[in-house]
C-alpha atoms as a PDB file:
ATOM      1  CA  MET A   1     124.526  98.515  95.872  1.00  0.00           C
ATOM      2  CA  GLY A   2     120.996  97.421  95.238  1.00  0.00           C
ATOM      3  CA  THR A   3     120.219 101.200  93.798  1.00  0.00           C
ATOM      4  CA  CYS A   4     123.809 101.607  91.643  1.00  0.00           C
ATOM      5  CA  GLY A   5     122.730  98.272  90.271  1.00  0.00           C
ATOM      6  CA  TYR A   6     118.873  99.146  89.244  1.00  0.00           C
ATOM      7  CA  LEU A   7     120.522 102.441  87.796  1.00  0.00           C
ATOM      8  CA  GLY A   8     122.611 100.623  85.793  1.00  0.00           C
ATOM      9  CA  PHE A   9     120.866  98.469  83.878  1.00  0.00           C
ATOM     10  CA  THR A  10     117.174  99.282  85.140  1.00  0.00           C
ATOM     11  CA  ASP A  11     114.448  96.829  84.327  1.00  0.00           C
ATOM     12  CA  LYS A  12     117.018  94.208  83.377  1.00  0.00           C
ATOM     13  CA  THR A  13     118.518  93.685  86.482  1.00  0.00           C
ATOM     14  CA  ASP A  14     119.226  89.926  87.956  1.00  0.00           C
ATOM     15  CA  GLY A  15     118.268  88.900  91.279  1.00  0.00           C
ATOM     16  CA  ASN A  16     121.768  88.783  91.979  1.00  0.00           C
ATOM     17  CA  ILE A  17     123.284  91.982  90.849  1.00  0.00           C
ATOM     18  CA  LEU A  18     126.671  90.514  89.792  1.00  0.00           C
ATOM     19  CA  ASN A  19     125.096  88.274  87.332  1.00  0.00           C
ATOM     20  CA  ASN A  20     124.524  91.429  85.241  1.00  0.00           C
ATOM     21  CA  PHE A  21     128.298  91.582  84.688  1.00  0.00           C
ATOM     22  CA  PRO A  22     130.023  89.658  82.240  1.00  0.00           C
ATOM     23  CA  MET A  23     132.110  86.303  83.131  1.00  0.00           C
ATOM     24  CA  PRO A  24     135.808  86.870  82.291  1.00  0.00           C
ATOM     25  CA  ASN A  25     137.304  83.943  79.541  1.00  0.00           C
ATOM     26  CA  GLU A  26     139.229  84.259  76.114  1.00  0.00           C
ATOM     27  CA  TYR A  27     137.006  86.945  74.537  1.00  0.00           C
ATOM     28  CA  ASP A  28     136.514  89.602  77.259  1.00  0.00           C
ATOM     29  CA  GLU A  29     139.511  89.879  80.096  1.00  0.00           C
ATOM     30  CA  SER A  30     138.014  93.920  80.579  1.00  0.00           C
ATOM     31  CA  ALA A  31     138.684  95.102  84.323  1.00  0.00           C
ATOM     32  CA  THR A  32     134.920  94.988  84.674  1.00  0.00           C
ATOM     33  CA  ALA A  33     134.246  90.906  84.100  1.00  0.00           C
ATOM     34  CA  GLN A  34     137.935  90.720  85.945  1.00  0.00           C
ATOM     35  CA  ALA A  35     136.480  92.617  88.696  1.00  0.00           C
ATOM     36  CA  ALA A  36     133.062  90.934  88.927  1.00  0.00           C
ATOM     37  CA  ASN A  37     134.888  87.930  89.007  1.00  0.00           C
ATOM     38  CA  LEU A  38     136.781  89.041  92.334  1.00  0.00           C
ATOM     39  CA  ALA A  39     133.265  90.479  93.559  1.00  0.00           C
ATOM     40  CA  ARG A  40     131.746  86.514  93.088  1.00  0.00           C
ATOM     41  CA  ALA A  41     134.702  85.072  94.823  1.00  0.00           C
ATOM     42  CA  LEU A  42     134.504  87.581  98.054  1.00  0.00           C
ATOM     43  CA  LEU A  43     130.907  86.956  97.918  1.00  0.00           C
ATOM     44  CA  CYS A  44     131.026  82.927  98.302  1.00  0.00           C
ATOM     45  CA  CYS A  45     133.522  83.371 100.623  1.00  0.00           C
ATOM     46  CA  MET A  46     131.669  86.027 102.871  1.00  0.00           C
ATOM     47  CA  MET A  47     128.401  83.900 102.639  1.00  0.00           C
ATOM     48  CA  PHE A  48     130.223  80.265 103.457  1.00  0.00           C
ATOM     49  CA  ALA A  49     131.326  82.025 106.656  1.00  0.00           C
ATOM     50  CA  VAL A  50     128.350  83.530 107.455  1.00  0.00           C
ATOM     51  CA  PHE A  51     125.489  82.330 109.460  1.00  0.00           C
ATOM     52  CA  PRO A  52     122.451  83.679 108.572  1.00  0.00           C
ATOM     53  CA  LEU A  53     119.858  84.966 110.831  1.00  0.00           C
ATOM     54  CA  GLU A  54     116.996  83.162 109.399  1.00  0.00           C
ATOM     55  CA  HIS A  55     118.843  79.882 111.079  1.00  0.00           C
ATOM     56  CA  PHE A  56     118.350  80.735 114.619  1.00  0.00           C
ATOM     57  CA  VAL A  57     114.523  80.874 113.667  1.00  0.00           C
ATOM     58  CA  ALA A  58     114.235  77.551 111.835  1.00  0.00           C
ATOM     59  CA  ARG A  59     116.664  75.683 113.960  1.00  0.00           C
ATOM     60  CA  HIS A  60     114.291  76.750 116.718  1.00  0.00           C
ATOM     61  CA  VAL A  61     110.707  75.918 115.185  1.00  0.00           C
ATOM     62  CA  ILE A  62     112.704  72.384 113.860  1.00  0.00           C
ATOM     63  CA  MET A  63     114.061  71.546 117.461  1.00  0.00           C
ATOM     64  CA  THR A  64     111.071  72.516 119.101  1.00  0.00           C
ATOM     65  CA  ASN A  65     108.696  70.498 117.142  1.00  0.00           C
ATOM     66  CA  LEU A  66     110.564  67.529 116.712  1.00  0.00           C
ATOM     67  CA  PHE A  67     111.929  67.147 119.927  1.00  0.00           C
ATOM     68  CA  GLN A  68     109.812  67.858 123.124  1.00  0.00           C
ATOM     69  CA  GLY A  69     107.459  70.518 121.032  1.00  0.00           C
ATOM     70  CA  GLN A  70     104.509  70.623 123.617  1.00  0.00           C
ATOM     71  CA  GLN A  71     106.878  70.907 126.551  1.00  0.00           C
ATOM     72  CA  ALA A  72     108.947  74.181 124.948  1.00  0.00           C
ATOM     73  CA  HIS A  73     105.212  75.776 123.750  1.00  0.00           C
ATOM     74  CA  GLU A  74     104.833  76.272 127.272  1.00  0.00           C
ATOM     75  CA  GLY A  75     107.793  78.116 128.164  1.00  0.00           C
ATOM     76  CA  ASP A  76     110.478  75.794 129.140  1.00  0.00           C
ATOM     77  CA  ASP A  77     112.281  76.113 125.734  1.00  0.00           C
ATOM     78  CA  HIS A  78     115.449  75.762 127.609  1.00  0.00           C
ATOM     79  CA  ALA A  79     115.007  72.126 128.030  1.00  0.00           C
ATOM     80  CA  VAL A  80     114.773  71.590 125.159  1.00  0.00           C
ATOM     81  CA  LEU A  81     117.663  73.872 123.216  1.00  0.00           C
ATOM     82  CA  ASP A  82     120.094  73.210 125.732  1.00  0.00           C
ATOM     83  CA  ARG A  83     121.706  69.514 123.932  1.00  0.00           C
ATOM     84  CA  TRP A  84     124.157  70.641 122.111  1.00  0.00           C
ATOM     85  CA  ASP A  85     124.154  67.459 120.285  1.00  0.00           C
ATOM     86  CA  ARG A  86     120.474  68.605 118.936  1.00  0.00           C
ATOM     87  CA  ARG A  87     121.826  72.282 117.873  1.00  0.00           C
ATOM     88  CA  ALA A  88     125.183  71.155 116.694  1.00  0.00           C
ATOM     89  CA  ALA A  89     122.969  68.627 114.216  1.00  0.00           C
ATOM     90  CA  THR A  90     120.269  70.867 113.214  1.00  0.00           C
ATOM     91  CA  THR A  91     122.713  73.523 112.172  1.00  0.00           C
ATOM     92  CA  ILE A  92     124.718  71.515 110.441  1.00  0.00           C
ATOM     93  CA  VAL A  93     121.378  70.125 108.532  1.00  0.00           C
ATOM     94  CA  LEU A  94     120.569  73.568 107.958  1.00  0.00           C
ATOM     95  CA  PHE A  95     123.492  74.993 106.564  1.00  0.00           C
ATOM     96  CA  SER A  96     124.567  71.838 104.305  1.00  0.00           C
ATOM     97  CA  SER A  97     121.361  72.041 102.588  1.00  0.00           C
ATOM     98  CA  THR A  98     121.580  75.885 102.026  1.00  0.00           C
ATOM     99  CA  LEU A  99     124.986  75.654 101.192  1.00  0.00           C
ATOM    100  CA  MET A 100     124.479  72.712  98.180  1.00  0.00           C
ATOM    101  CA  ALA A 101     122.118  74.779  97.265  1.00  0.00           C
ATOM    102  CA  ALA A 102     123.454  77.773  96.421  1.00  0.00           C
ATOM    103  CA  LEU A 103     126.885  76.056  94.804  1.00  0.00           C
ATOM    104  CA  LYS A 104     124.229  74.300  92.445  1.00  0.00           C
ATOM    105  CA  PHE A 105     122.137  76.937  91.011  1.00  0.00           C
ATOM    106  CA  ASP A 106     123.372  80.031  89.838  1.00  0.00           C
ATOM    107  CA  ASP A 107     119.960  82.331  89.839  1.00  0.00           C
ATOM    108  CA  VAL A 108     117.721  82.165  92.401  1.00  0.00           C
ATOM    109  CA  GLY A 109     116.003  85.649  91.840  1.00  0.00           C
ATOM    110  CA  ILE A 110     112.141  83.722  91.346  1.00  0.00           C
ATOM    111  CA  VAL A 111     112.925  82.280  94.507  1.00  0.00           C
ATOM    112  CA  LEU A 112     113.390  85.371  96.470  1.00  0.00           C
ATOM    113  CA  ALA A 113     110.614  87.129  94.276  1.00  0.00           C
ATOM    114  CA  TRP A 114     108.313  85.133  95.805  1.00  0.00           C
ATOM    115  CA  THR A 115     109.463  84.761  99.136  1.00  0.00           C
ATOM    116  CA  GLY A 116     108.970  88.754  99.340  1.00  0.00           C
ATOM    117  CA  THR A 117     105.937  89.054  97.725  1.00  0.00           C
ATOM    118  CA  VAL A 118     104.448  85.907 100.109  1.00  0.00           C
ATOM    119  CA  ALA A 119     106.166  85.952 103.229  1.00  0.00           C
ATOM    120  CA  ALA A 120     107.811  89.607 103.134  1.00  0.00           C
ATOM    121  CA  THR A 121     104.337  91.518 102.917  1.00  0.00           C
ATOM    122  CA  THR A 122     102.709  88.982 104.901  1.00  0.00           C
ATOM    123  CA  LEU A 123     104.569  88.983 108.119  1.00  0.00           C
ATOM    124  CA  SER A 124     105.786  92.593 107.663  1.00  0.00           C
ATOM    125  CA  TYR A 125     102.333  94.273 107.277  1.00  0.00           C
ATOM    126  CA  ILE A 126      99.420  92.146 106.713  1.00  0.00           C
ATOM    127  CA  VAL A 127      99.521  90.104 110.034  1.00  0.00           C
ATOM    128  CA  PRO A 128     100.929  93.055 112.632  1.00  0.00           C
ATOM    129  CA  GLY A 129      97.971  94.772 111.058  1.00  0.00           C
ATOM    130  CA  MET A 130      94.976  91.674 111.718  1.00  0.00           C
ATOM    131  CA  LEU A 131      96.661  90.742 115.022  1.00  0.00           C
ATOM    132  CA  TYR A 132      96.637  94.271 116.180  1.00  0.00           C
ATOM    133  CA  LEU A 133      92.999  94.860 114.995  1.00  0.00           C
ATOM    134  CA  GLY A 134      92.278  91.254 117.048  1.00  0.00           C
ATOM    135  CA  VAL A 135      94.252  91.847 120.618  1.00  0.00           C
ATOM    136  CA  TYR A 136      92.605  95.485 120.914  1.00  0.00           C
ATOM    137  CA  GLY A 137      89.257  93.948 119.019  1.00  0.00           C
ATOM    138  CA  GLN A 138      87.021  95.128 122.168  1.00  0.00           C
ATOM    139  CA  GLU A 139      88.580  98.423 122.124  1.00  0.00           C
ATOM    140  CA  PHE A 140      88.431  98.491 118.225  1.00  0.00           C
ATOM    141  CA  LEU A 141      84.565  97.712 118.523  1.00  0.00           C
ATOM    142  CA  ASP A 142      83.818 100.380 120.984  1.00  0.00           C
ATOM    143  CA  PHE A 143      84.934 102.873 119.108  1.00  0.00           C
ATOM    144  CA  VAL A 144      83.285 101.722 116.186  1.00  0.00           C
ATOM    145  CA  GLU A 145      80.288 101.937 118.350  1.00  0.00           C
ATOM    146  CA  SER A 146      80.832 105.104 119.654  1.00  0.00           C
ATOM    147  CA  LYS A 147      81.589 106.749 116.511  1.00  0.00           C
ATOM    148  CA  TRP A 148      78.941 105.228 113.852  1.00  0.00           C
ATOM    149  CA  GLY A 149      76.291 104.168 116.846  1.00  0.00           C
ATOM    150  CA  PHE A 150      76.419 100.293 115.815  1.00  0.00           C
ATOM    151  CA  ALA A 151      79.203  97.611 115.219  1.00  0.00           C
ATOM    152  CA  SER A 152      77.057  95.295 112.929  1.00  0.00           C
ATOM    153  CA  LEU A 153      74.256  96.211 110.383  1.00  0.00           C
ATOM    154  CA  GLU A 154      72.480  93.323 111.387  1.00  0.00           C
ATOM    155  CA  ASP A 155      71.559  95.043 115.049  1.00  0.00           C
ATOM    156  CA  SER A 156      71.056  98.409 113.727  1.00  0.00           C
ATOM    157  CA  SER A 157      68.516 100.458 111.146  1.00  0.00           C
ATOM    158  CA  ALA A 158      71.135 101.787 109.110  1.00  0.00           C
ATOM    159  CA  SER A 159      70.101 103.997 106.227  1.00  0.00           C
ATOM    160  CA  PHE A 160      70.920 103.525 103.277  1.00  0.00           C
ATOM    161  CA  ARG A 161      74.055 106.402 103.005  1.00  0.00           C
ATOM    162  CA  GLN A 162      75.479 104.464 106.154  1.00  0.00           C
ATOM    163  CA  ARG A 163      75.113 100.810 104.364  1.00  0.00           C
ATOM    164  CA  MET A 164      77.196 102.549 101.184  1.00  0.00           C
ATOM    165  CA  ILE A 165      79.893 103.925 103.393  1.00  0.00           C
ATOM    166  CA  TRP A 166      80.429 101.027 105.893  1.00  0.00           C
ATOM    167  CA  TYR A 167      80.724  98.459 102.720  1.00  0.00           C
ATOM    168  CA  LEU A 168      83.000 101.503 101.234  1.00  0.00           C
ATOM    169  CA  LEU A 169      84.961 101.658 103.836  1.00  0.00           C
ATOM    170  CA  LEU A 170      85.489  97.649 104.388  1.00  0.00           C
ATOM    171  CA  MET A 171      83.941  98.210 107.629  1.00  0.00           C
ATOM    172  CA  PRO A 172      82.503  94.467 107.829  1.00  0.00           C
ATOM    173  CA  ILE A 173      86.093  92.937 107.355  1.00  0.00           C
ATOM    174  CA  TRP A 174      87.746  94.830 110.023  1.00  0.00           C
ATOM    175  CA  CYS A 175      85.158  94.328 112.333  1.00  0.00           C
ATOM    176  CA  GLY A 176      85.003  90.560 111.682  1.00  0.00           C
ATOM    177  CA  ILE A 177      88.889  90.813 112.136  1.00  0.00           C
ATOM    178  CA  ALA A 178      87.928  92.545 115.675  1.00  0.00           C
ATOM    179  CA  SER A 179      85.095  89.677 117.068  1.00  0.00           C
ATOM    180  CA  TYR A 180      87.307  87.024 115.825  1.00  0.00           C
ATOM    181  CA  GLY A 181      90.406  88.328 117.875  1.00  0.00           C
ATOM    182  CA  ILE A 182      87.843  88.724 120.740  1.00  0.00           C
ATOM    183  CA  GLU A 183      87.234  85.480 121.046  1.00  0.00           C
ATOM    184  CA  CYS A 184      90.920  83.572 120.769  1.00  0.00           C
ATOM    185  CA  VAL A 185      92.169  86.662 123.388  1.00  0.00           C
ATOM    186  CA  ALA A 186      89.314  84.707 125.557  1.00  0.00           C
ATOM    187  CA  ASP A 187      90.324  81.518 124.602  1.00  0.00           C
ATOM    188  CA  TYR A 188      93.943  82.207 124.966  1.00  0.00           C
ATOM    189  CA  GLN A 189      92.880  84.456 128.457  1.00  0.00           C
ATOM    190  CA  SER A 190      91.058  80.659 129.874  1.00  0.00           C
ATOM    191  CA  LYS A 191      93.725  78.226 128.595  1.00  0.00           C
ATOM    192  CA  LYS A 192      96.508  80.312 130.727  1.00  0.00           C
ATOM    193  CA  ALA A 193      94.108  80.678 133.736  1.00  0.00           C
ATOM    194  CA  LEU A 194      94.534  76.788 133.859  1.00  0.00           C
ATOM    195  CA  LEU A 195      98.115  76.704 133.558  1.00  0.00           C
ATOM    196  CA  THR A 196      98.126  79.750 136.174  1.00  0.00           C
ATOM    197  CA  PRO A 197      95.773  78.991 138.851  1.00  0.00           C
ATOM    198  CA  THR A 198      96.776  82.694 140.692  1.00  0.00           C
ATOM    199  CA  GLY A 199      95.744  84.550 137.731  1.00  0.00           C
ATOM    200  CA  ASP A 200      98.208  87.026 137.605  1.00  0.00           C
ATOM    201  CA  TYR A 201     100.012  85.777 133.912  1.00  0.00           C
ATOM    202  CA  ARG A 202      99.644  89.260 132.368  1.00  0.00           C
ATOM    203  CA  LEU A 203     102.858  91.109 131.978  1.00  0.00           C
ATOM    204  CA  GLY A 204     101.515  94.743 132.349  1.00  0.00           C
ATOM    205  CA  LYS A 205     102.084  96.451 135.817  1.00  0.00           C
ATOM    206  CA  ILE A 206     105.357  94.348 136.824  1.00  0.00           C
ATOM    207  CA  ARG A 207     106.484  95.892 140.225  1.00  0.00           C
ATOM    208  CA  HIS A 208     110.064  95.448 140.536  1.00  0.00           C
ATOM    209  CA  LYS A 209     111.537  95.653 144.301  1.00  0.00           C
ATOM    210  CA  ARG A 210     114.898  96.344 145.361  1.00  0.00           C
ATOM    211  CA  LEU A 211     116.158  95.424 149.132  1.00  0.00           C
ATOM    212  CA  MET A 212     117.927  98.250 150.354  1.00  0.00           C
ATOM    213  CA  TYR A 213     120.510  96.922 152.867  1.00  0.00           C
ATOM    214  CA  ASN A 214     121.631  99.361 155.308  1.00  0.00           C
ATOM    215  CA  LEU A 215     125.269  97.749 156.059  1.00  0.00           C
ATOM    216  CA  PRO A 216     127.832  98.775 158.479  1.00  0.00           C
ATOM    217  CA  PRO A 217     130.627 101.201 157.063  1.00  0.00           C
ATOM    218  CA  ALA A 218     133.067  98.802 157.672  1.00  0.00           C
ATOM    219  CA  ALA A 219     131.373  96.040 155.224  1.00  0.00           C
ATOM    220  CA  SER A 220     133.143  96.113 151.351  1.00  0.00           C
ATOM    221  CA  ALA A 221     131.205  94.739 148.311  1.00  0.00           C
ATOM    222  CA  SER A 222     134.214  92.145 147.447  1.00  0.00           C
ATOM    223  CA  ASP A 223     132.645  88.245 147.271  1.00  0.00           C
ATOM    224  CA  SER A 224     134.738  87.312 150.106  1.00  0.00           C
ATOM    225  CA  GLN A 225     132.290  89.402 152.933  1.00  0.00           C
ATOM    226  CA  LEU A 226     129.430  88.757 151.430  1.00  0.00           C
ATOM    227  CA  GLU A 227     128.500  86.360 153.592  1.00  0.00           C
ATOM    228  CA  PHE A 228     129.274  89.297 156.196  1.00  0.00           C
ATOM    229  CA  MET A 229     127.021  91.838 154.769  1.00  0.00           C
ATOM    230  CA  LEU A 230     123.916  90.083 154.567  1.00  0.00           C
ATOM    231  CA  ASN A 231     124.348  88.446 158.207  1.00  0.00           C
ATOM    232  CA  ASN A 232     125.359  91.839 159.643  1.00  0.00           C
ATOM    233  CA  ALA A 233     123.023  94.295 157.555  1.00  0.00           C
ATOM    234  CA  VAL A 234     120.732  96.074 160.296  1.00  0.00           C
ATOM    235  CA  GLY A 235     117.507  96.454 158.247  1.00  0.00           C
ATOM    236  CA  TYR A 236     116.464  97.070 154.558  1.00  0.00           C
ATOM    237  CA  GLU A 237     113.985  99.459 152.738  1.00  0.00           C
ATOM    238  CA  GLU A 238     111.568  98.041 150.245  1.00  0.00           C
ATOM    239  CA  GLU A 239     111.790 100.195 146.835  1.00  0.00           C
ATOM    240  CA  GLU A 240     109.289  99.522 144.153  1.00  0.00           C
ATOM    241  CA  ASP A 241     109.147 100.842 140.608  1.00  0.00           C
ATOM    242  CA  ALA A 242     106.071  99.564 138.653  1.00  0.00           C
ATOM    243  CA  GLU A 243     106.032  99.860 134.742  1.00  0.00           C
ATOM    244  CA  ASP A 244     102.969 101.000 132.686  1.00  0.00           C
ATOM    245  CA  ASP A 245     100.631  98.375 131.298  1.00  0.00           C
ATOM    246  CA  LEU A 246     101.131  99.084 127.320  1.00  0.00           C
ATOM    247  CA  GLN A 247      97.254  97.373 127.333  1.00  0.00           C
ATOM    248  CA  ASP A 248      95.980  99.902 128.967  1.00  0.00           C
ATOM    249  CA  ILE A 249      97.096 103.108 127.273  1.00  0.00           C
ATOM    250  CA  GLU A 250      93.882 104.095 125.248  1.00  0.00           C
ATOM    251  CA  LYS A 251      93.183 103.562 121.664  1.00  0.00           C
ATOM    252  CA  GLY A 252      92.549 106.026 119.813  1.00  0.00           C
ATOM    253  CA  PHE A 253      91.439 106.399 115.551  1.00  0.00           C
ATOM    254  CA  ALA A 254      95.054 107.325 114.515  1.00  0.00           C
ATOM    255  CA  ASP A 255      96.551 103.709 115.928  1.00  0.00           C
ATOM    256  CA  PHE A 256      93.441 101.448 113.904  1.00  0.00           C
ATOM    257  CA  LEU A 257      94.082 103.829 111.235  1.00  0.00           C
ATOM    258  CA  VAL A 258      97.258 102.686 111.054  1.00  0.00           C
ATOM    259  CA  ALA A 259      97.169  99.042 111.494  1.00  0.00           C
ATOM    260  CA  ILE A 260      94.325  99.107 108.870  1.00  0.00           C
ATOM    261  CA  GLY A 261      96.792 100.960 106.634  1.00  0.00           C
ATOM    262  CA  PHE A 262     100.096  98.021 107.043  1.00  0.00           C
ATOM    263  CA  ILE A 263      96.858  95.852 105.982  1.00  0.00           C
ATOM    264  CA  LEU A 264      96.303  97.459 102.779  1.00  0.00           C
ATOM    265  CA  PHE A 265      99.285  98.296 102.100  1.00  0.00           C
ATOM    266  CA  GLY A 266     100.636  94.636 102.241  1.00  0.00           C
ATOM    267  CA  LEU A 267      97.732  93.081 100.132  1.00  0.00           C
ATOM    268  CA  ILE A 268      98.729  96.158  97.739  1.00  0.00           C
ATOM    269  CA  ALA A 269     101.982  94.877  97.505  1.00  0.00           C
ATOM    270  CA  PHE A 270     101.165  91.306  97.840  1.00  0.00           C
ATOM    271  CA  ILE A 271      98.847  91.693  94.761  1.00  0.00           C
ATOM    272  CA  ALA A 272     101.366  94.003  92.638  1.00  0.00           C
ATOM    273  CA  GLY A 273     104.505  91.203  93.356  1.00  0.00           C
ATOM    274  CA  VAL A 274     102.200  88.548  91.959  1.00  0.00           C
ATOM    275  CA  ILE A 275     101.120  90.085  89.380  1.00  0.00           C
ATOM    276  CA  SER A 276     105.004  91.299  88.733  1.00  0.00           C
ATOM    277  CA  ILE A 277     106.109  88.193  88.451  1.00  0.00           C
ATOM    278  CA  CYS A 278     104.023  86.187  86.625  1.00  0.00           C
ATOM    279  CA  THR A 279     103.994  88.862  83.989  1.00  0.00           C
ATOM    280  CA  GLU A 280     107.979  88.629  83.924  1.00  0.00           C
ATOM    281  CA  SER A 281     107.284  84.911  83.931  1.00  0.00           C
END
């Protein structure tokens, strides 16, 4: 639908494509106007009956911040989200506020434009790339040092040519993100270690154990005979499956290049979006 709208109206396409079509009135009773009006009615009915996926995120954030937020952020979300009255009240407030705004304003294209420019580019490209460099900051600095011989100009005797290439590739920014990520990861691990005295808080190398009972041939798997099966098991064997830890996979040039590419692409899209909105308005 978006492609057809742009092909039909080019640069005059509104945020809501249906706004490009005429409204039926006494001067315009064409089939196009009537079909567009019918589409508007169907869209209104659909949006009235749809629960946007964004409401799940918004409701979760509101409830965990207003009701025992610290307990929820430490992993006990169920204690906070299992109150049906809170869920119902938050849902009604979110749905009603968005519905009233939709009925009041005919065109929110500028809101969608700023949302896509700021939020979409940041959450989809810039932040994931920065997080990757931050989480694997030590690996990135080790990789840079192995290729360049240093990871910081302050601790090196680099030539003028090396310094020029260093700055042209924006290495101070990427190394700065990696260094900050190392500090944040260390702080996070220390906090998790205090919450988990055993220190076993990492998700990697998970081993799943399955008990393989040697049951009597006459035993069945029905619920009524479950107790009989357990009580009459003559023995069991343990079978373990180990999942590989993705954090242990060696990171290479391509991985870090993709992360940096995400950041650069997001910045370009962000700047282009801001320029486009400002010039049009």
